[in-house]
PDB file of N, CA and C in Angstrom:
ATOM      1  N   MET A   1      96.017 106.723 113.097  1.00  0.00           N
ATOM      2  CA  MET A   1      96.604 107.340 111.921  1.00  0.00           C
ATOM      3  C   MET A   1      98.086 106.977 111.842  1.00  0.00           C
ATOM      4  N   LEU A   2      98.501 106.679 110.636  1.00  0.00           N
ATOM      5  CA  LEU A   2      99.902 106.354 110.416  1.00  0.00           C
ATOM      6  C   LEU A   2     100.708 107.634 110.234  1.00  0.00           C
ATOM      7  N   THR A   3     101.820 107.686 110.928  1.00  0.00           N
ATOM      8  CA  THR A   3     102.717 108.828 110.840  1.00  0.00           C
ATOM      9  C   THR A   3     104.023 108.402 110.182  1.00  0.00           C
ATOM     10  N   VAL A   4     104.859 109.374 109.900  1.00  0.00           N
ATOM     11  CA  VAL A   4     106.190 109.076 109.377  1.00  0.00           C
ATOM     12  C   VAL A   4     106.928 108.192 110.384  1.00  0.00           C
ATOM     13  N   GLY A   5     106.724 108.423 111.662  1.00  0.00           N
ATOM     14  CA  GLY A   5     107.361 107.609 112.691  1.00  0.00           C
ATOM     15  C   GLY A   5     106.986 106.143 112.582  1.00  0.00           C
ATOM     16  N   HIS A   6     105.719 105.860 112.361  1.00  0.00           N
ATOM     17  CA  HIS A   6     105.277 104.473 112.175  1.00  0.00           C
ATOM     18  C   HIS A   6     105.998 103.836 110.983  1.00  0.00           C
ATOM     19  N   LEU A   7     106.055 104.577 109.902  1.00  0.00           N
ATOM     20  CA  LEU A   7     106.644 104.051 108.672  1.00  0.00           C
ATOM     21  C   LEU A   7     108.150 103.868 108.811  1.00  0.00           C
ATOM     22  N   GLU A   8     108.799 104.729 109.588  1.00  0.00           N
ATOM     23  CA  GLU A   8     110.234 104.577 109.852  1.00  0.00           C
ATOM     24  C   GLU A   8     110.498 103.308 110.661  1.00  0.00           C
ATOM     25  N   ILE A   9     109.662 103.056 111.655  1.00  0.00           N
ATOM     26  CA  ILE A   9     109.816 101.831 112.452  1.00  0.00           C
ATOM     27  C   ILE A   9     109.649 100.615 111.549  1.00  0.00           C
ATOM     28  N   PHE A  10     108.614 100.612 110.718  1.00  0.00           N
ATOM     29  CA  PHE A  10     108.365  99.501 109.797  1.00  0.00           C
ATOM     30  C   PHE A  10     109.577  99.290 108.890  1.00  0.00           C
ATOM     31  N   ALA A  11     110.121 100.375 108.355  1.00  0.00           N
ATOM     32  CA  ALA A  11     111.274 100.282 107.450  1.00  0.00           C
ATOM     33  C   ALA A  11     112.518  99.804 108.188  1.00  0.00           C
ATOM     34  N   THR A  12     112.710 100.276 109.404  1.00  0.00           N
ATOM     35  CA  THR A  12     113.883  99.862 110.190  1.00  0.00           C
ATOM     36  C   THR A  12     113.897  98.358 110.380  1.00  0.00           C
ATOM     37  N   TRP A  13     112.730  97.785 110.598  1.00  0.00           N
ATOM     38  CA  TRP A  13     112.618  96.342 110.810  1.00  0.00           C
ATOM     39  C   TRP A  13     112.314  95.606 109.502  1.00  0.00           C
ATOM     40  N   ALA A  14     112.388  96.307 108.371  1.00  0.00           N
ATOM     41  CA  ALA A  14     112.174  95.733 107.038  1.00  0.00           C
ATOM     42  C   ALA A  14     110.891  94.909 106.963  1.00  0.00           C
ATOM     43  N   GLY A  15     109.854  95.392 107.649  1.00  0.00           N
ATOM     44  CA  GLY A  15     108.562  94.723 107.594  1.00  0.00           C
ATOM     45  C   GLY A  15     108.467  93.446 108.400  1.00  0.00           C
ATOM     46  N   ASP A  16     109.474  93.152 109.214  1.00  0.00           N
ATOM     47  CA  ASP A  16     109.516  91.904 109.996  1.00  0.00           C
ATOM     48  C   ASP A  16     108.785  92.084 111.326  1.00  0.00           C
ATOM     49  N   LEU A  17     107.479  91.824 111.319  1.00  0.00           N
ATOM     50  CA  LEU A  17     106.671  91.974 112.529  1.00  0.00           C
ATOM     51  C   LEU A  17     107.161  91.069 113.646  1.00  0.00           C
ATOM     52  N   ASP A  18     107.508  89.841 113.320  1.00  0.00           N
ATOM     53  CA  ASP A  18     107.967  88.901 114.340  1.00  0.00           C
ATOM     54  C   ASP A  18     109.249  89.405 115.002  1.00  0.00           C
ATOM     55  N   GLY A  19     110.193  89.869 114.198  1.00  0.00           N
ATOM     56  CA  GLY A  19     111.442  90.398 114.745  1.00  0.00           C
ATOM     57  C   GLY A  19     111.198  91.612 115.622  1.00  0.00           C
ATOM     58  N   TRP A  20     110.343  92.521 115.157  1.00  0.00           N
ATOM     59  CA  TRP A  20     110.033  93.717 115.936  1.00  0.00           C
ATOM     60  C   TRP A  20     109.375  93.340 117.258  1.00  0.00           C
ATOM     61  N   THR A  21     108.423  92.397 117.198  1.00  0.00           N
ATOM     62  CA  THR A  21     107.707  91.978 118.402  1.00  0.00           C
ATOM     63  C   THR A  21     108.656  91.359 119.419  1.00  0.00           C
ATOM     64  N   ARG A  22     109.586  90.567 118.944  1.00  0.00           N
ATOM     65  CA  ARG A  22     110.499  89.856 119.852  1.00  0.00           C
ATOM     66  C   ARG A  22     111.665  90.704 120.346  1.00  0.00           C
ATOM     67  N   GLN A  23     112.155  91.612 119.503  1.00  0.00           N
ATOM     68  CA  GLN A  23     113.426  92.260 119.806  1.00  0.00           C
ATOM     69  C   GLN A  23     113.374  93.751 120.094  1.00  0.00           C
ATOM     70  N   ALA A  24     112.348  94.433 119.664  1.00  0.00           N
ATOM     71  CA  ALA A  24     112.314  95.888 119.866  1.00  0.00           C
ATOM     72  C   ALA A  24     112.191  96.199 121.354  1.00  0.00           C
ATOM     73  N   THR A  25     113.068  97.058 121.831  1.00  0.00           N
ATOM     74  CA  THR A  25     113.006  97.446 123.234  1.00  0.00           C
ATOM     75  C   THR A  25     112.138  98.680 123.437  1.00  0.00           C
ATOM     76  N   ASP A  26     112.063  99.521 122.401  1.00  0.00           N
ATOM     77  CA  ASP A  26     111.219 100.706 122.462  1.00  0.00           C
ATOM     78  C   ASP A  26     110.287 100.669 121.254  1.00  0.00           C
ATOM     79  N   ARG A  27     109.051 100.345 121.488  1.00  0.00           N
ATOM     80  CA  ARG A  27     108.102 100.219 120.377  1.00  0.00           C
ATOM     81  C   ARG A  27     107.458 101.547 120.012  1.00  0.00           C
ATOM     82  N   GLY A  28     107.684 102.564 120.824  1.00  0.00           N
ATOM     83  CA  GLY A  28     107.131 103.879 120.520  1.00  0.00           C
ATOM     84  C   GLY A  28     105.632 103.815 120.298  1.00  0.00           C
ATOM     85  N   PRO A  29     105.148 104.539 119.298  1.00  0.00           N
ATOM     86  CA  PRO A  29     103.704 104.622 119.074  1.00  0.00           C
ATOM     87  C   PRO A  29     103.136 103.437 118.288  1.00  0.00           C
ATOM     88  N   MET A  30     103.995 102.548 117.805  1.00  0.00           N
ATOM     89  CA  MET A  30     103.568 101.481 116.901  1.00  0.00           C
ATOM     90  C   MET A  30     102.829 100.366 117.641  1.00  0.00           C
ATOM     91  N   THR A  31     101.736  99.913 117.036  1.00  0.00           N
ATOM     92  CA  THR A  31     101.003  98.755 117.548  1.00  0.00           C
ATOM     93  C   THR A  31     100.990  97.681 116.466  1.00  0.00           C
ATOM     94  N   GLN A  32     100.599  96.478 116.842  1.00  0.00           N
ATOM     95  CA  GLN A  32     100.485  95.421 115.832  1.00  0.00           C
ATOM     96  C   GLN A  32      99.419  95.781 114.800  1.00  0.00           C
ATOM     97  N   ALA A  33      98.372  96.459 115.218  1.00  0.00           N
ATOM     98  CA  ALA A  33      97.332  96.879 114.273  1.00  0.00           C
ATOM     99  C   ALA A  33      97.892  97.874 113.251  1.00  0.00           C
ATOM    100  N   ASP A  34      98.746  98.795 113.708  1.00  0.00           N
ATOM    101  CA  ASP A  34      99.397  99.729 112.784  1.00  0.00           C
ATOM    102  C   ASP A  34     100.263  98.964 111.784  1.00  0.00           C
ATOM    103  N   TRP A  35     101.018  98.001 112.318  1.00  0.00           N
ATOM    104  CA  TRP A  35     101.915  97.201 111.482  1.00  0.00           C
ATOM    105  C   TRP A  35     101.124  96.471 110.401  1.00  0.00           C
ATOM    106  N   GLN A  36     100.035  95.853 110.811  1.00  0.00           N
ATOM    107  CA  GLN A  36      99.213  95.099 109.870  1.00  0.00           C
ATOM    108  C   GLN A  36      98.577  96.014 108.832  1.00  0.00           C
ATOM    109  N   LEU A  37      98.182  97.214 109.240  1.00  0.00           N
ATOM    110  CA  LEU A  37      97.622  98.169 108.286  1.00  0.00           C
ATOM    111  C   LEU A  37      98.657  98.549 107.237  1.00  0.00           C
ATOM    112  N   ILE A  38      99.870  98.839 107.675  1.00  0.00           N
ATOM    113  CA  ILE A  38     100.938  99.171 106.723  1.00  0.00           C
ATOM    114  C   ILE A  38     101.156  98.007 105.771  1.00  0.00           C
ATOM    115  N   ASP A  39     101.212  96.808 106.310  1.00  0.00           N
ATOM    116  CA  ASP A  39     101.400  95.609 105.499  1.00  0.00           C
ATOM    117  C   ASP A  39     100.295  95.474 104.444  1.00  0.00           C
ATOM    118  N   GLU A  40      99.045  95.676 104.850  1.00  0.00           N
ATOM    119  CA  GLU A  40      97.912  95.573 103.921  1.00  0.00           C
ATOM    120  C   GLU A  40      97.979  96.649 102.836  1.00  0.00           C
ATOM    121  N   LEU A  41      98.324  97.872 103.239  1.00  0.00           N
ATOM    122  CA  LEU A  41      98.412  98.954 102.257  1.00  0.00           C
ATOM    123  C   LEU A  41      99.540  98.700 101.266  1.00  0.00           C
ATOM    124  N   LEU A  42     100.664  98.170 101.748  1.00  0.00           N
ATOM    125  CA  LEU A  42     101.774  97.852 100.849  1.00  0.00           C
ATOM    126  C   LEU A  42     101.399  96.748  99.872  1.00  0.00           C
ATOM    127  N   LEU A  43     100.649  95.769 100.332  1.00  0.00           N
ATOM    128  CA  LEU A  43     100.179  94.716  99.430  1.00  0.00           C
ATOM    129  C   LEU A  43      99.292  95.319  98.340  1.00  0.00           C
ATOM    130  N   GLY A  44      98.392  96.193  98.735  1.00  0.00           N
ATOM    131  CA  GLY A  44      97.534  96.858  97.758  1.00  0.00           C
ATOM    132  C   GLY A  44      98.331  97.672  96.762  1.00  0.00           C
ATOM    133  N   LEU A  45      99.346  98.398  97.252  1.00  0.00           N
ATOM    134  CA  LEU A  45     100.194  99.187  96.356  1.00  0.00           C
ATOM    135  C   LEU A  45     100.930  98.287  95.371  1.00  0.00           C
ATOM    136  N   ALA A  46     101.383  97.132  95.837  1.00  0.00           N
ATOM    137  CA  ALA A  46     102.073  96.191  94.948  1.00  0.00           C
ATOM    138  C   ALA A  46     101.136  95.715  93.838  1.00  0.00           C
ATOM    139  N   LEU A  47      99.896  95.427  94.201  1.00  0.00           N
ATOM    140  CA  LEU A  47      98.928  94.994  93.194  1.00  0.00           C
ATOM    141  C   LEU A  47      98.693  96.078  92.153  1.00  0.00           C
ATOM    142  N   VAL A  48      98.500  97.304  92.623  1.00  0.00           N
ATOM    143  CA  VAL A  48      98.256  98.426  91.712  1.00  0.00           C
ATOM    144  C   VAL A  48      99.496  98.699  90.863  1.00  0.00           C
ATOM    145  N   ASN A  49     100.665  98.760  91.503  1.00  0.00           N
ATOM    146  CA  ASN A  49     101.899  99.095  90.785  1.00  0.00           C
ATOM    147  C   ASN A  49     102.302  98.039  89.761  1.00  0.00           C
ATOM    148  N   ASN A  50     101.873  96.810  89.981  1.00  0.00           N
ATOM    149  CA  ASN A  50     102.197  95.735  89.037  1.00  0.00           C
ATOM    150  C   ASN A  50     101.093  95.516  88.009  1.00  0.00           C
ATOM    151  N   GLY A  51     100.079  96.375  88.023  1.00  0.00           N
ATOM    152  CA  GLY A  51      99.042  96.341  87.006  1.00  0.00           C
ATOM    153  C   GLY A  51      98.064  95.186  87.113  1.00  0.00           C
ATOM    154  N   VAL A  52      97.942  94.581  88.287  1.00  0.00           N
ATOM    155  CA  VAL A  52      97.019  93.447  88.430  1.00  0.00           C
ATOM    156  C   VAL A  52      95.764  93.810  89.217  1.00  0.00           C
ATOM    157  N   ALA A  53      95.611  95.084  89.534  1.00  0.00           N
ATOM    158  CA  ALA A  53      94.424  95.542  90.250  1.00  0.00           C
ATOM    159  C   ALA A  53      93.539  96.339  89.291  1.00  0.00           C
ATOM    160  N   SER A  54      92.271  96.270  89.538  1.00  0.00           N
ATOM    161  CA  SER A  54      91.334  97.026  88.707  1.00  0.00           C
ATOM    162  C   SER A  54      91.405  98.513  89.055  1.00  0.00           C
ATOM    163  N   PRO A  55      90.959  99.374  88.148  1.00  0.00           N
ATOM    164  CA  PRO A  55      90.900 100.797  88.455  1.00  0.00           C
ATOM    165  C   PRO A  55      90.019 101.084  89.686  1.00  0.00           C
ATOM    166  N   ALA A  56      88.953 100.334  89.851  1.00  0.00           N
ATOM    167  CA  ALA A  56      88.079 100.526  91.019  1.00  0.00           C
ATOM    168  C   ALA A  56      88.827 100.202  92.306  1.00  0.00           C
ATOM    169  N   TYR A  57      89.613  99.116  92.294  1.00  0.00           N
ATOM    170  CA  TYR A  57      90.403  98.758  93.473  1.00  0.00           C
ATOM    171  C   TYR A  57      91.420  99.857  93.771  1.00  0.00           C
ATOM    172  N   ALA A  58      92.064 100.385  92.737  1.00  0.00           N
ATOM    173  CA  ALA A  58      93.052 101.451  92.914  1.00  0.00           C
ATOM    174  C   ALA A  58      92.414 102.684  93.560  1.00  0.00           C
ATOM    175  N   ARG A  59      91.192 103.022  93.148  1.00  0.00           N
ATOM    176  CA  ARG A  59      90.501 104.179  93.747  1.00  0.00           C
ATOM    177  C   ARG A  59      90.178 103.920  95.215  1.00  0.00           C
ATOM    178  N   VAL A  60      89.714 102.715  95.522  1.00  0.00           N
ATOM    179  CA  VAL A  60      89.413 102.368  96.917  1.00  0.00           C
ATOM    180  C   VAL A  60      90.689 102.402  97.753  1.00  0.00           C
ATOM    181  N   LEU A  61      91.763 101.876  97.203  1.00  0.00           N
ATOM    182  CA  LEU A  61      93.047 101.893  97.919  1.00  0.00           C
ATOM    183  C   LEU A  61      93.510 103.326  98.166  1.00  0.00           C
ATOM    184  N   ASP A  62      93.406 104.186  97.167  1.00  0.00           N
ATOM    185  CA  ASP A  62      93.796 105.590  97.342  1.00  0.00           C
ATOM    186  C   ASP A  62      93.004 106.232  98.479  1.00  0.00           C
ATOM    187  N   ALA A  63      91.707 105.967  98.525  1.00  0.00           N
ATOM    188  CA  ALA A  63      90.872 106.523  99.596  1.00  0.00           C
ATOM    189  C   ALA A  63      91.261 105.948 100.946  1.00  0.00           C
ATOM    190  N   ARG A  64      91.563 104.666 100.972  1.00  0.00           N
ATOM    191  CA  ARG A  64      91.960 104.020 102.232  1.00  0.00           C
ATOM    192  C   ARG A  64      93.287 104.590 102.734  1.00  0.00           C
ATOM    193  N   ILE A  65      94.226 104.800 101.823  1.00  0.00           N
ATOM    194  CA  ILE A  65      95.509 105.389 102.198  1.00  0.00           C
ATOM    195  C   ILE A  65      95.299 106.808 102.725  1.00  0.00           C
ATOM    196  N   ALA A  66      94.505 107.597 102.025  1.00  0.00           N
ATOM    197  CA  ALA A  66      94.245 108.975 102.460  1.00  0.00           C
ATOM    198  C   ALA A  66      93.637 109.011 103.856  1.00  0.00           C
ATOM    199  N   ALA A  67      92.786 108.057 104.160  1.00  0.00           N
ATOM    200  CA  ALA A  67      92.153 108.004 105.484  1.00  0.00           C
ATOM    201  C   ALA A  67      93.100 107.483 106.556  1.00  0.00           C
ATOM    202  N   ALA A  68      94.134 106.730 106.148  1.00  0.00           N
ATOM    203  CA  ALA A  68      95.005 106.070 107.124  1.00  0.00           C
ATOM    204  C   ALA A  68      96.218 106.895 107.531  1.00  0.00           C
ATOM    205  N   VAL A  69      96.629 107.844 106.689  1.00  0.00           N
ATOM    206  CA  VAL A  69      97.850 108.605 106.979  1.00  0.00           C
ATOM    207  C   VAL A  69      97.517 109.923 107.681  1.00  0.00           C
ATOM    208  N   ALA A  70      98.439 110.337 108.530  1.00  0.00           N
ATOM    209  CA  ALA A  70      98.212 111.537 109.334  1.00  0.00           C
ATOM    210  C   ALA A  70      98.372 112.823 108.532  1.00  0.00           C
ATOM    211  N   ASP A  71      99.256 112.810 107.536  1.00  0.00           N
ATOM    212  CA  ASP A  71      99.533 114.029 106.780  1.00  0.00           C
ATOM    213  C   ASP A  71     100.210 113.680 105.460  1.00  0.00           C
ATOM    214  N   GLU A  72     100.528 114.708 104.689  1.00  0.00           N
ATOM    215  CA  GLU A  72     101.137 114.504 103.374  1.00  0.00           C
ATOM    216  C   GLU A  72     102.520 113.863 103.485  1.00  0.00           C
ATOM    217  N   ALA A  73     103.264 114.190 104.521  1.00  0.00           N
ATOM    218  CA  ALA A  73     104.592 113.578 104.703  1.00  0.00           C
ATOM    219  C   ALA A  73     104.462 112.075 104.905  1.00  0.00           C
ATOM    220  N   ALA A  74     103.488 111.652 105.686  1.00  0.00           N
ATOM    221  CA  ALA A  74     103.264 110.223 105.898  1.00  0.00           C
ATOM    222  C   ALA A  74     102.789 109.561 104.608  1.00  0.00           C
ATOM    223  N   HIS A  75     101.984 110.265 103.838  1.00  0.00           N
ATOM    224  CA  HIS A  75     101.514 109.743 102.549  1.00  0.00           C
ATOM    225  C   HIS A  75     102.699 109.490 101.623  1.00  0.00           C
ATOM    226  N   ARG A  76     103.581 110.465 101.515  1.00  0.00           N
ATOM    227  CA  ARG A  76     104.774 110.315 100.671  1.00  0.00           C
ATOM    228  C   ARG A  76     105.668 109.186 101.186  1.00  0.00           C
ATOM    229  N   ALA A  77     105.825 109.096 102.515  1.00  0.00           N
ATOM    230  CA  ALA A  77     106.669 108.047 103.096  1.00  0.00           C
ATOM    231  C   ALA A  77     106.103 106.663 102.815  1.00  0.00           C
ATOM    232  N   LEU A  78     104.783 106.527 102.877  1.00  0.00           N
ATOM    233  CA  LEU A  78     104.158 105.236 102.583  1.00  0.00           C
ATOM    234  C   LEU A  78     104.392 104.847 101.120  1.00  0.00           C
ATOM    235  N   LEU A  79     104.212 105.791 100.218  1.00  0.00           N
ATOM    236  CA  LEU A  79     104.399 105.499  98.796  1.00  0.00           C
ATOM    237  C   LEU A  79     105.864 105.184  98.470  1.00  0.00           C
ATOM    238  N   ALA A  80     106.799 105.724  99.238  1.00  0.00           N
ATOM    239  CA  ALA A  80     108.225 105.464  99.015  1.00  0.00           C
ATOM    240  C   ALA A  80     108.700 104.177  99.696  1.00  0.00           C
ATOM    241  N   LEU A  81     107.913 103.644 100.597  1.00  0.00           N
ATOM    242  CA  LEU A  81     108.327 102.480 101.384  1.00  0.00           C
ATOM    243  C   LEU A  81     108.656 101.246 100.543  1.00  0.00           C
ATOM    244  N   PRO A  82     107.891 100.898  99.511  1.00  0.00           N
ATOM    245  CA  PRO A  82     108.269  99.704  98.730  1.00  0.00           C
ATOM    246  C   PRO A  82     109.685  99.780  98.160  1.00  0.00           C
ATOM    247  N   ALA A  83     110.089 100.932  97.674  1.00  0.00           N
ATOM    248  CA  ALA A  83     111.445 101.076  97.135  1.00  0.00           C
ATOM    249  C   ALA A  83     112.482 100.927  98.236  1.00  0.00           C
ATOM    250  N   ARG A  84     112.202 101.469  99.415  1.00  0.00           N
ATOM    251  CA  ARG A  84     113.143 101.322 100.541  1.00  0.00           C
ATOM    252  C   ARG A  84     113.277  99.861 100.943  1.00  0.00           C
ATOM    253  N   LEU A  85     112.163  99.158 100.977  1.00  0.00           N
ATOM    254  CA  LEU A  85     112.199  97.762 101.394  1.00  0.00           C
ATOM    255  C   LEU A  85     112.892  96.888 100.344  1.00  0.00           C
ATOM    256  N   SER A  86     112.732  97.226  99.070  1.00  0.00           N
ATOM    257  CA  SER A  86     113.367  96.414  98.032  1.00  0.00           C
ATOM    258  C   SER A  86     114.890  96.504  98.101  1.00  0.00           C
ATOM    259  N   ARG A  87     115.386  97.608  98.609  1.00  0.00           N
ATOM    260  CA  ARG A  87     116.847  97.735  98.793  1.00  0.00           C
ATOM    261  C   ARG A  87     117.358  96.791  99.872  1.00  0.00           C
ATOM    262  N   HIS A  88     116.434  96.355 100.769  1.00  0.00           N
ATOM    263  CA  HIS A  88     116.778  95.406 101.822  1.00  0.00           C
ATOM    264  C   HIS A  88     116.466  93.976 101.413  1.00  0.00           C
ATOM    265  N   GLY A  89     116.062  93.790 100.163  1.00  0.00           N
ATOM    266  CA  GLY A  89     115.745  92.459  99.679  1.00  0.00           C
ATOM    267  C   GLY A  89     114.379  91.954 100.102  1.00  0.00           C
ATOM    268  N   VAL A  90     113.502  92.869 100.521  1.00  0.00           N
ATOM    269  CA  VAL A  90     112.157  92.471 100.964  1.00  0.00           C
ATOM    270  C   VAL A  90     111.184  92.617  99.812  1.00  0.00           C
TER     271      VAL A  90
END
């Protein structure tokens, strides 16, 4: 399950898995599988938010997000992540 902590780590490294893998000294609870899941969910959100996904895909994505996050705080943090990353030029 993705927590706010996972999403904070992802945001701190601006989605740079390679940089995190090479340079992070304390990886905490984050795994590469968690990182990849966040990446996949963000891609899905981009498709939906840009209007290029079907309504059926959006429903599946919503269900996948609900199953992947630990709580409502993590859900809100995931939905806010694209805006945070865009401020970093990602």
